[in-house]
Amino acid sequence: MGEHFEILIDASGSMGHMKGTKFENKFLLPDAKTTRMELAKKILINSVFPKLSFVEKLSISTFLGNLQYDNLGNKIPMTNGKAKFNPASKIFYSDSYDEKNINLIVSKIENPAEAGTPLAWILVEKISKSNINKLNIIVLSDGDDSIVEKFDEEVLNVIRKSRKECKIYFIGIDQDKDAIEKSKNLAQKTNGFYVNLKIVNYDEAIFDSMLFEFNTTITSNALKENLKIETTLHESIATSNEKREIKNIIEVEREVKSVKIETSKKNDDPINLHKQVYENTKSLQLITSQLDSIVKQISFIGKEKANDEDEFIANDDEERNRVIGYQCEKYINSVLLKNKWEKVNWLNENAERSKPYDFDVTVKGINYYIECKGSTSNSKEFFLTKNEWLFYLANRKNYRLYFVSEINSQNPTVHRIEDLLKDMEQGKLIACSSINRKVKADRILFQIIN
């Protein structure tokens, strides 16, 4: 099919440990040991590469902005809030698709040192220097451009001037609001796709689900291109046969007097037939890949539903529940920080503290305890342990509960409960479930009504 894909991996400092800086280990996954680079490699190896078997040529590079130093080895200070960087990239692979070899090479990419994120530079570099007119680029990055403020507009201008067809698929890793807006704009305007992944400990099923639309969009676009080629080949074969028939008729008429009749040959051009078979096979592979993605997503949704219906007795999935809990707490932390209160202390940011509350905050000199609950679905049901309930009763005036529904969506919903008993009196909160559940010992189940 001739599809070429370029994969660009952000190797800025936040993708690693940031050793020796004030941000050391601040960008790790909730397990407090896995870097974002290690997460990116797992995503590529387990969720992306298997969907690219149709690719004729695959290139994989890292990119970064090296910090600039003066003659004494000191960092050149920032100008207008921006550090000075020397953009650079490193090619790790550029060849035909070989999944085993690709996985081996990518698995050996090391965690980066402190560096910037030159998104505009790497994209302009690859687009400008490419000798093909149809480009497919997959970017994995956790940040915004460290050099160019409106990197999306700069890249789009370069694409327009180059007159190349360029689709950009962007996997954001816990990007902030500004980076999301620009990365999404770039992907949408190039007919690619954008997804922003929450920072959670790696679970293949969860990430396959979060990347479902991303992968199916790539496969759909590839299938459309392949069908165009098949149509062109079919028309070419038909035209070739028609010309051959006319030629054979002329030859027969020319030689009929000498009784030398050339038999009409109706065989198709073997080269075009070979191409047709090749493209048909590719289409079948793409359809199979698409079906595989759909089956996995259906399976994941089924498990999600089962977990929602029986989530409180699932001892074998405690890691998943912990991951969801961390996601919800992180989201609420971002909400609380916007209030600019005197203090917002997230207890479980670096490690689980096993306290009967998740935040302690100070508002106008008064201390409050905040408990966070949540779900990946639109369910508005949660439970409190015996210890959490007793803590609430002992600190009722200074206790608040935040519930987050659909945490993996682009816009999670937050429900704020100021007083559990008061909301129960008003019928906003009831102590029962909307479906059949088996609740573990020492737990109280609640359902938010309004």
Protein backbone atom coordinates (compact mmCIF):
# COMPACT_ATOMS: atom_id res chain seq x y z
CA MET A 1 0.00 0.00 0.00
CA GLY A 2 2.95 2.26 0.42
CA GLU A 3 1.91 3.72 3.77
CA HIS A 4 4.72 5.51 5.61
CA PHE A 5 4.43 6.25 9.33
CA GLU A 6 6.69 8.44 11.44
CA ILE A 7 6.53 8.00 15.22
CA LEU A 8 7.89 10.85 17.34
CA ILE A 9 8.47 10.31 21.07
CA ASP A 10 8.88 13.25 23.44
CA ALA A 11 12.19 12.90 25.33
CA SER A 12 11.83 16.02 27.45
CA GLY A 13 12.73 16.00 31.14
CA SER A 14 9.21 15.38 32.46
CA MET A 15 9.15 12.08 30.57
CA GLY A 16 11.91 10.89 32.92
CA HIS A 17 12.95 11.32 36.55
CA MET A 18 14.14 14.97 36.33
CA LYS A 19 17.05 14.00 38.59
CA GLY A 20 18.90 16.83 40.27
CA THR A 21 16.09 19.35 39.74
CA LYS A 22 13.33 20.62 42.01
CA PHE A 23 10.92 18.47 39.97
CA GLU A 24 12.75 15.20 40.64
CA ASN A 25 10.27 12.27 40.55
CA LYS A 26 7.32 14.70 40.34
CA PHE A 27 6.11 13.36 36.98
CA LEU A 28 6.13 9.64 37.80
CA LEU A 29 3.07 7.40 37.59
CA PRO A 30 1.02 6.78 40.75
CA ASP A 31 3.25 3.80 41.60
CA ALA A 32 6.00 6.40 42.27
CA LYS A 33 8.56 4.53 40.17
CA THR A 34 7.44 4.32 36.53
CA THR A 35 8.35 7.23 34.23
CA ARG A 36 6.20 8.62 31.46
CA MET A 37 8.77 7.42 28.93
CA GLU A 38 8.33 3.88 30.23
CA LEU A 39 4.57 4.33 29.94
CA ALA A 40 4.93 5.62 26.35
CA LYS A 41 7.01 2.57 25.40
CA LYS A 42 4.40 0.17 26.82
CA ILE A 43 1.64 2.02 24.96
CA LEU A 44 3.53 1.73 21.67
CA ILE A 45 4.56 -1.90 22.08
CA ASN A 46 1.23 -3.24 23.35
CA SER A 47 -1.42 -0.94 21.88
CA VAL A 48 -0.06 0.89 18.81
CA PHE A 49 2.55 -1.20 16.97
CA PRO A 50 0.21 -4.24 16.62
CA LYS A 51 -2.17 -1.99 14.65
CA LEU A 52 0.51 -0.85 12.17
CA SER A 53 1.31 -4.16 10.46
CA PHE A 54 -0.03 -2.72 7.18
CA VAL A 55 2.72 -0.07 7.10
CA GLU A 56 5.35 -0.33 4.36
CA LYS A 57 7.92 1.81 6.16
CA LEU A 58 8.11 2.85 9.80
CA SER A 59 10.41 5.44 11.35
CA ILE A 60 10.79 5.97 15.10
CA SER A 61 12.56 8.98 16.62
CA THR A 62 12.85 10.78 19.93
CA PHE A 63 13.01 14.57 20.11
CA LEU A 64 14.08 17.03 22.80
CA GLY A 65 15.37 20.51 23.43
CA ASN A 66 18.83 20.38 24.98
CA LEU A 67 19.42 23.08 27.57
CA GLN A 68 22.02 25.70 26.68
CA TYR A 69 24.99 26.30 28.98
CA ASP A 70 27.54 29.10 29.17
CA ASN A 71 31.34 28.65 29.13
CA LEU A 72 31.34 27.94 32.88
CA GLY A 73 28.80 25.15 32.54
CA ASN A 74 25.91 27.14 33.99
CA LYS A 75 22.45 27.05 32.44
CA ILE A 76 21.69 30.11 30.37
CA PRO A 77 18.85 31.85 32.28
CA MET A 78 15.33 31.98 30.93
CA THR A 79 14.11 34.85 28.77
CA ASN A 80 10.43 35.84 29.06
CA GLY A 81 9.82 32.73 31.11
CA LYS A 82 11.33 30.46 28.44
CA ALA A 83 14.56 28.53 28.81
CA LYS A 84 17.02 28.45 25.90
CA PHE A 85 17.09 25.12 24.07
CA ASN A 86 18.93 23.47 21.21
CA PRO A 87 16.38 21.20 19.46
CA ALA A 88 17.63 17.72 18.58
CA SER A 89 16.29 14.34 17.53
CA LYS A 90 17.56 10.78 17.34
CA ILE A 91 16.38 8.13 14.88
CA PHE A 92 16.07 4.69 16.47
CA TYR A 93 14.44 2.83 13.57
CA SER A 94 13.71 3.45 9.91
CA ASP A 95 12.84 0.37 7.89
CA SER A 96 10.01 -1.92 6.84
CA TYR A 97 7.60 -3.15 9.51
CA ASP A 98 9.21 -5.80 11.71
CA GLU A 99 7.28 -5.93 14.97
CA LYS A 100 9.76 -8.09 16.88
CA ASN A 101 12.72 -5.90 15.97
CA ILE A 102 10.77 -2.68 16.57
CA ASN A 103 9.67 -3.80 20.03
CA LEU A 104 13.23 -4.73 20.98
CA ILE A 105 14.64 -1.37 19.85
CA VAL A 106 11.92 0.74 21.50
CA SER A 107 12.17 -1.20 24.77
CA LYS A 108 15.81 -0.06 25.03
CA ILE A 109 15.08 3.68 24.75
CA GLU A 110 16.33 5.20 28.01
CA ASN A 111 14.68 7.69 30.33
CA PRO A 112 15.60 11.25 29.31
CA ALA A 113 17.54 13.84 31.27
CA GLU A 114 16.32 17.41 31.83
CA ALA A 115 15.31 18.88 28.46
CA GLY A 116 12.61 20.86 26.67
CA THR A 117 9.83 19.93 24.21
CA PRO A 118 10.39 21.36 20.69
CA LEU A 119 7.13 20.11 19.15
CA ALA A 120 6.98 22.62 16.30
CA TRP A 121 10.64 22.08 15.41
CA ILE A 122 10.44 18.27 15.13
CA LEU A 123 7.20 18.33 13.11
CA VAL A 124 8.43 21.02 10.72
CA GLU A 125 11.72 19.14 10.37
CA LYS A 126 10.05 15.85 9.44
CA ILE A 127 7.48 17.41 7.11
CA SER A 128 9.94 19.68 5.28
CA LYS A 129 12.60 17.03 4.74
CA SER A 130 10.26 14.21 3.74
CA ASN A 131 10.54 13.12 0.11
CA ILE A 132 7.02 11.68 0.04
CA ASN A 133 3.78 13.62 -0.38
CA LYS A 134 1.61 11.55 1.97
CA LEU A 135 2.79 11.58 5.57
CA ASN A 136 1.36 9.92 8.66
CA ILE A 137 2.85 11.12 11.93
CA ILE A 138 2.16 9.79 15.44
CA VAL A 139 3.31 12.04 18.29
CA LEU A 140 3.56 11.03 21.95
CA SER A 141 4.11 13.99 24.28
CA ASP A 142 3.23 15.08 27.80
CA GLY A 143 3.71 18.81 27.33
CA ASP A 144 3.43 22.01 25.35
CA ASP A 145 6.08 23.43 23.03
CA SER A 146 8.98 24.86 25.04
CA ILE A 147 9.97 27.30 22.28
CA VAL A 148 7.03 28.19 20.01
CA GLU A 149 3.86 29.39 21.75
CA LYS A 150 1.41 28.61 18.93
CA PHE A 151 3.15 25.50 17.64
CA ASP A 152 -0.05 24.15 16.05
CA GLU A 153 -0.45 27.18 13.78
CA GLU A 154 3.20 27.10 12.74
CA VAL A 155 3.01 23.43 11.77
CA LEU A 156 -0.27 23.91 9.88
CA ASN A 157 1.27 26.78 7.90
CA VAL A 158 4.23 24.60 6.92
CA ILE A 159 1.89 21.81 5.80
CA ARG A 160 -0.14 24.24 3.66
CA LYS A 161 2.97 25.66 2.00
CA SER A 162 4.46 22.22 1.37
CA ARG A 163 1.24 21.06 -0.35
CA LYS A 164 1.75 17.67 1.23
CA GLU A 165 -1.01 15.50 2.63
CA CYS A 166 -0.08 15.09 6.28
CA LYS A 167 -2.17 13.36 8.95
CA ILE A 168 -1.02 13.90 12.54
CA TYR A 169 -2.15 11.50 15.25
CA PHE A 170 -1.42 12.83 18.72
CA ILE A 171 -1.27 10.88 21.99
CA GLY A 172 -1.13 13.38 24.83
CA ILE A 173 0.11 12.08 28.16
CA ASP A 174 -1.59 14.09 30.91
CA GLN A 175 -1.24 17.35 28.95
CA ASP A 176 -2.50 20.60 30.47
CA LYS A 177 -5.41 22.60 29.04
CA ASP A 178 -3.35 24.79 26.67
CA ALA A 179 -1.35 21.86 25.31
CA ILE A 180 -4.54 19.85 24.79
CA GLU A 181 -6.16 22.68 22.83
CA LYS A 182 -3.20 23.12 20.46
CA SER A 183 -2.44 19.41 20.02
CA LYS A 184 -6.10 18.62 19.36
CA ASN A 185 -6.39 21.48 16.85
CA LEU A 186 -3.36 20.18 14.96
CA ALA A 187 -4.70 16.63 14.84
CA GLN A 188 -8.23 17.60 13.81
CA LYS A 189 -7.16 20.00 11.05
CA THR A 190 -4.92 17.35 9.48
CA ASN A 191 -7.67 14.70 9.62
CA GLY A 192 -5.75 12.77 12.25
CA PHE A 193 -6.90 12.10 15.81
CA TYR A 194 -6.13 13.35 19.32
CA VAL A 195 -6.41 11.58 22.66
CA ASN A 196 -5.20 12.75 26.07
CA LEU A 197 -4.37 9.90 28.43
CA LYS A 198 -4.74 10.21 32.16
CA ILE A 199 -1.67 9.33 34.22
CA VAL A 200 -2.43 5.96 35.78
CA ASN A 201 -0.40 2.84 36.42
CA TYR A 202 -0.17 0.79 33.23
CA ASP A 203 -2.96 -1.68 32.54
CA GLU A 204 -3.13 -2.93 28.95
CA ALA A 205 -6.93 -3.32 28.90
CA ILE A 206 -7.49 0.19 30.26
CA PHE A 207 -5.09 1.80 27.79
CA ASP A 208 -6.45 -0.25 24.87
CA SER A 209 -9.87 1.15 25.76
CA MET A 210 -8.60 4.75 26.04
CA LEU A 211 -6.86 4.32 22.65
CA PHE A 212 -9.82 2.62 20.95
CA GLU A 213 -10.89 5.60 18.83
CA PHE A 214 -7.27 6.52 18.15
CA ASN A 215 -6.41 3.08 16.74
CA THR A 216 -9.65 2.60 14.82
CA THR A 217 -9.21 6.02 13.19
CA ILE A 218 -5.72 5.07 11.97
CA THR A 219 -7.03 1.75 10.63
CA SER A 220 -10.06 3.38 8.97
CA ASN A 221 -7.92 5.99 7.24
CA ALA A 222 -5.52 3.29 6.03
CA LEU A 223 -8.42 1.19 4.75
CA LYS A 224 -9.83 4.15 2.81
CA GLU A 225 -6.44 4.74 1.17
CA ASN A 226 -6.13 1.07 0.32
CA LEU A 227 -9.57 0.97 -1.28
CA LYS A 228 -8.59 3.94 -3.47
CA ILE A 229 -5.55 1.99 -4.68
CA GLU A 230 -7.65 -1.13 -5.30
CA THR A 231 -10.13 0.89 -7.38
CA THR A 232 -7.29 2.43 -9.42
CA LEU A 233 -5.73 -0.99 -10.04
CA HIS A 234 -9.08 -2.48 -11.04
CA GLU A 235 -9.62 0.33 -13.56
CA SER A 236 -6.05 -0.10 -14.82
CA ILE A 237 -6.54 -3.84 -15.37
CA ALA A 238 -9.85 -3.25 -17.17
CA THR A 239 -8.28 -0.61 -19.45
CA SER A 240 -5.28 -2.84 -20.15
CA ASN A 241 -7.51 -5.78 -21.14
CA GLU A 242 -9.61 -3.58 -23.39
CA LYS A 243 -6.52 -2.28 -25.23
CA ARG A 244 -5.16 -5.82 -25.60
CA GLU A 245 -8.46 -7.03 -27.11
CA ILE A 246 -8.41 -4.23 -29.71
CA LYS A 247 -4.78 -4.98 -30.56
CA ASN A 248 -5.49 -8.70 -31.01
CA ILE A 249 -8.46 -8.00 -33.29
CA ILE A 250 -6.30 -5.76 -35.50
CA GLU A 251 -3.60 -8.45 -35.65
CA VAL A 252 -6.15 -11.08 -36.67
CA GLU A 253 -7.51 -8.89 -39.49
CA ARG A 254 -4.00 -8.06 -40.64
CA GLU A 255 -2.90 -11.66 -40.95
CA VAL A 256 -6.12 -13.38 -42.00
CA LYS A 257 -4.96 -13.52 -45.61
CA SER A 258 -1.89 -15.50 -44.70
CA VAL A 259 -4.03 -17.72 -42.46
CA LYS A 260 -1.92 -16.64 -39.48
CA ILE A 261 -4.48 -15.92 -36.83
CA GLU A 262 -3.24 -14.77 -33.45
CA THR A 263 -5.51 -16.10 -30.74
CA SER A 264 -6.98 -13.47 -28.54
CA LYS A 265 -5.37 -13.50 -25.13
CA LYS A 266 -7.58 -12.43 -22.34
CA ASN A 267 -5.18 -12.92 -19.49
CA ASP A 268 -4.80 -10.00 -17.15
CA ASP A 269 -1.51 -8.24 -16.68
CA PRO A 270 0.32 -10.46 -14.11
CA ILE A 271 1.98 -7.43 -12.48
CA ASN A 272 -1.32 -5.65 -11.94
CA LEU A 273 -2.94 -8.89 -10.76
CA HIS A 274 -0.17 -9.35 -8.21
CA LYS A 275 -0.73 -5.81 -6.95
CA GLN A 276 -4.49 -6.39 -6.80
CA VAL A 277 -4.05 -9.54 -4.69
CA TYR A 278 -1.56 -7.72 -2.44
CA GLU A 279 -3.93 -4.80 -1.84
CA ASN A 280 -6.89 -7.13 -1.26
CA THR A 281 -4.85 -8.98 1.36
CA LYS A 282 -3.95 -5.69 3.01
CA SER A 283 -7.61 -4.69 3.14
CA LEU A 284 -8.50 -7.98 4.81
CA GLN A 285 -5.71 -7.45 7.36
CA LEU A 286 -7.00 -3.96 8.13
CA ILE A 287 -10.56 -5.21 8.53
CA THR A 288 -9.32 -7.98 10.83
CA SER A 289 -7.38 -5.43 12.88
CA GLN A 290 -10.47 -3.24 13.13
CA LEU A 291 -12.61 -6.16 14.28
CA ASP A 292 -9.98 -7.10 16.85
CA SER A 293 -10.11 -3.57 18.29
CA ILE A 294 -13.90 -3.68 18.44
CA VAL A 295 -13.95 -7.09 20.14
CA LYS A 296 -11.44 -5.89 22.76
CA GLN A 297 -13.50 -2.76 23.41
CA ILE A 298 -16.71 -4.76 23.79
CA SER A 299 -14.92 -7.11 26.18
CA PHE A 300 -13.59 -4.16 28.20
CA ILE A 301 -17.02 -2.52 28.38
CA GLY A 302 -18.48 -5.84 29.54
CA LYS A 303 -15.92 -6.05 32.33
CA GLU A 304 -16.58 -2.41 33.27
CA LYS A 305 -20.30 -3.18 33.56
CA ALA A 306 -19.60 -6.28 35.63
CA ASN A 307 -17.28 -4.28 37.89
CA ASP A 308 -19.92 -1.55 38.29
CA GLU A 309 -22.50 -4.15 39.27
CA ASP A 310 -20.25 -5.98 41.71
CA GLU A 311 -17.34 -3.66 42.30
CA PHE A 312 -17.35 -3.89 46.09
CA ILE A 313 -16.53 -7.61 46.29
CA ALA A 314 -13.80 -7.67 43.63
CA ASN A 315 -10.65 -8.51 45.58
CA ASP A 316 -8.85 -9.56 42.42
CA ASP A 317 -9.10 -6.09 40.88
CA GLU A 318 -7.93 -3.90 43.75
CA GLU A 319 -5.15 -2.41 41.60
CA ARG A 320 -7.71 -1.19 39.07
CA ASN A 321 -9.86 0.35 41.82
CA ARG A 322 -6.77 2.02 43.29
CA VAL A 323 -5.89 3.46 39.87
CA ILE A 324 -9.39 4.87 39.42
CA GLY A 325 -9.25 6.31 42.93
CA TYR A 326 -5.95 8.03 42.18
CA GLN A 327 -7.32 9.45 38.92
CA CYS A 328 -10.32 10.92 40.73
CA GLU A 329 -8.16 12.40 43.50
CA LYS A 330 -5.82 13.96 40.94
CA TYR A 331 -8.75 15.54 39.12
CA ILE A 332 -10.22 16.90 42.36
CA ASN A 333 -6.79 18.22 43.34
CA SER A 334 -6.74 20.30 40.14
CA VAL A 335 -10.25 21.58 40.95
CA LEU A 336 -9.34 22.52 44.52
CA LEU A 337 -6.14 24.31 43.51
CA LYS A 338 -8.17 26.70 41.35
CA ASN A 339 -9.86 28.03 44.50
CA LYS A 340 -6.57 29.53 45.74
CA TRP A 341 -7.28 28.53 49.33
CA GLU A 342 -4.64 28.99 52.03
CA LYS A 343 -3.80 25.29 51.95
CA VAL A 344 -4.62 22.29 49.76
CA ASN A 345 -2.83 19.16 50.97
CA TRP A 346 -3.35 16.03 48.87
CA LEU A 347 -2.41 13.21 51.23
CA ASN A 348 -2.06 10.41 48.65
CA GLU A 349 -0.18 12.32 45.95
CA ASN A 350 3.04 10.32 46.30
CA ALA A 351 1.85 7.25 48.23
CA GLU A 352 -1.33 5.87 49.78
CA ARG A 353 -1.59 7.14 53.37
CA SER A 354 -4.62 5.01 54.38
CA LYS A 355 -6.35 7.92 56.12
CA PRO A 356 -10.18 8.27 56.39
CA TYR A 357 -9.96 11.34 54.14
CA ASP A 358 -7.91 12.32 51.04
CA PHE A 359 -7.33 16.08 51.42
CA ASP A 360 -7.01 18.56 54.22
CA VAL A 361 -7.57 22.16 53.19
CA THR A 362 -7.65 25.52 54.91
CA VAL A 363 -10.27 28.10 53.87
CA LYS A 364 -10.34 31.48 55.61
CA GLY A 365 -8.50 30.02 58.57
CA ILE A 366 -10.83 27.01 58.96
CA ASN A 367 -9.53 23.47 58.36
CA TYR A 368 -11.66 21.00 56.36
CA TYR A 369 -11.32 17.29 55.55
CA ILE A 370 -12.25 16.19 52.03
CA GLU A 371 -12.98 12.63 50.96
CA CYS A 372 -12.91 11.77 47.24
CA LYS A 373 -14.90 9.01 45.52
CA GLY A 374 -15.46 8.27 41.85
CA SER A 375 -16.25 5.96 38.96
CA THR A 376 -15.27 5.42 35.32
CA SER A 377 -18.96 5.08 34.40
CA ASN A 378 -21.92 7.44 34.83
CA SER A 379 -22.86 5.58 38.02
CA LYS A 380 -23.28 7.88 41.03
CA GLU A 381 -22.89 5.25 43.73
CA PHE A 382 -20.08 4.95 46.25
CA PHE A 383 -19.33 3.41 49.60
CA LEU A 384 -17.72 4.53 52.83
CA THR A 385 -15.84 2.18 55.12
CA LYS A 386 -16.73 1.97 58.79
CA ASN A 387 -13.68 4.09 59.69
CA GLU A 388 -14.56 6.72 57.08
CA TRP A 389 -18.14 6.94 58.36
CA LEU A 390 -17.06 7.28 62.00
CA PHE A 391 -14.54 9.96 61.01
CA TYR A 392 -17.30 11.86 59.22
CA LEU A 393 -19.54 11.72 62.31
CA ALA A 394 -16.71 12.98 64.52
CA ASN A 395 -15.87 15.84 62.11
CA ARG A 396 -19.26 16.52 60.54
CA LYS A 397 -19.01 20.32 60.42
CA ASN A 398 -15.61 20.22 58.75
CA TYR A 399 -16.13 17.24 56.43
CA ARG A 400 -16.86 17.41 52.70
CA LEU A 401 -17.18 14.70 50.03
CA TYR A 402 -16.50 15.08 46.30
CA PHE A 403 -17.71 12.43 43.85
CA VAL A 404 -16.38 12.23 40.26
CA SER A 405 -18.29 10.29 37.58
CA GLU A 406 -16.90 9.28 34.16
CA ILE A 407 -13.34 10.08 35.20
CA ASN A 408 -11.86 8.83 31.89
CA SER A 409 -14.01 11.14 29.78
CA GLN A 410 -12.85 14.51 28.48
CA ASN A 411 -15.24 16.27 30.91
CA PRO A 412 -15.76 14.34 34.18
CA THR A 413 -18.71 15.40 36.35
CA VAL A 414 -18.09 16.48 39.95
CA HIS A 415 -20.74 16.21 42.70
CA ARG A 416 -20.00 18.10 45.94
CA ILE A 417 -21.64 16.93 49.16
CA GLU A 418 -21.32 19.30 52.12
CA ASP A 419 -23.03 17.10 54.69
CA LEU A 420 -23.96 13.45 54.14
CA LEU A 421 -26.74 13.29 56.76
CA LYS A 422 -28.25 16.61 55.66
CA ASP A 423 -28.34 15.45 52.02
CA MET A 424 -29.99 12.22 53.17
CA GLU A 425 -32.66 14.21 55.03
CA GLN A 426 -33.32 16.21 51.85
CA GLY A 427 -33.53 13.06 49.70
CA LYS A 428 -30.44 13.96 47.67
CA LEU A 429 -28.53 10.96 48.98
CA ILE A 430 -29.90 7.52 49.86
CA ALA A 431 -28.24 4.54 51.50
CA CYS A 432 -29.13 1.91 48.89
CA SER A 433 -28.10 0.82 45.41
CA SER A 434 -30.02 1.02 42.14
CA ILE A 435 -28.89 -2.51 41.20
CA ASN A 436 -28.18 -5.80 42.95
CA ARG A 437 -24.86 -5.72 44.79
CA LYS A 438 -22.97 -7.75 47.33
CA VAL A 439 -21.28 -5.31 49.68
CA LYS A 440 -18.18 -6.25 51.66
CA ALA A 441 -18.28 -6.10 55.44
CA ASP A 442 -17.98 -2.76 57.28
CA ARG A 443 -19.13 -0.68 54.31
CA ILE A 444 -22.06 1.67 53.76
CA LEU A 445 -23.30 2.16 50.20
CA PHE A 446 -24.71 5.49 49.00
CA GLN A 447 -26.50 6.64 45.83
CA ILE A 448 -26.54 10.28 44.73
CA ILE A 449 -30.07 11.14 43.61
CA ASN A 450 -29.66 14.79 42.61
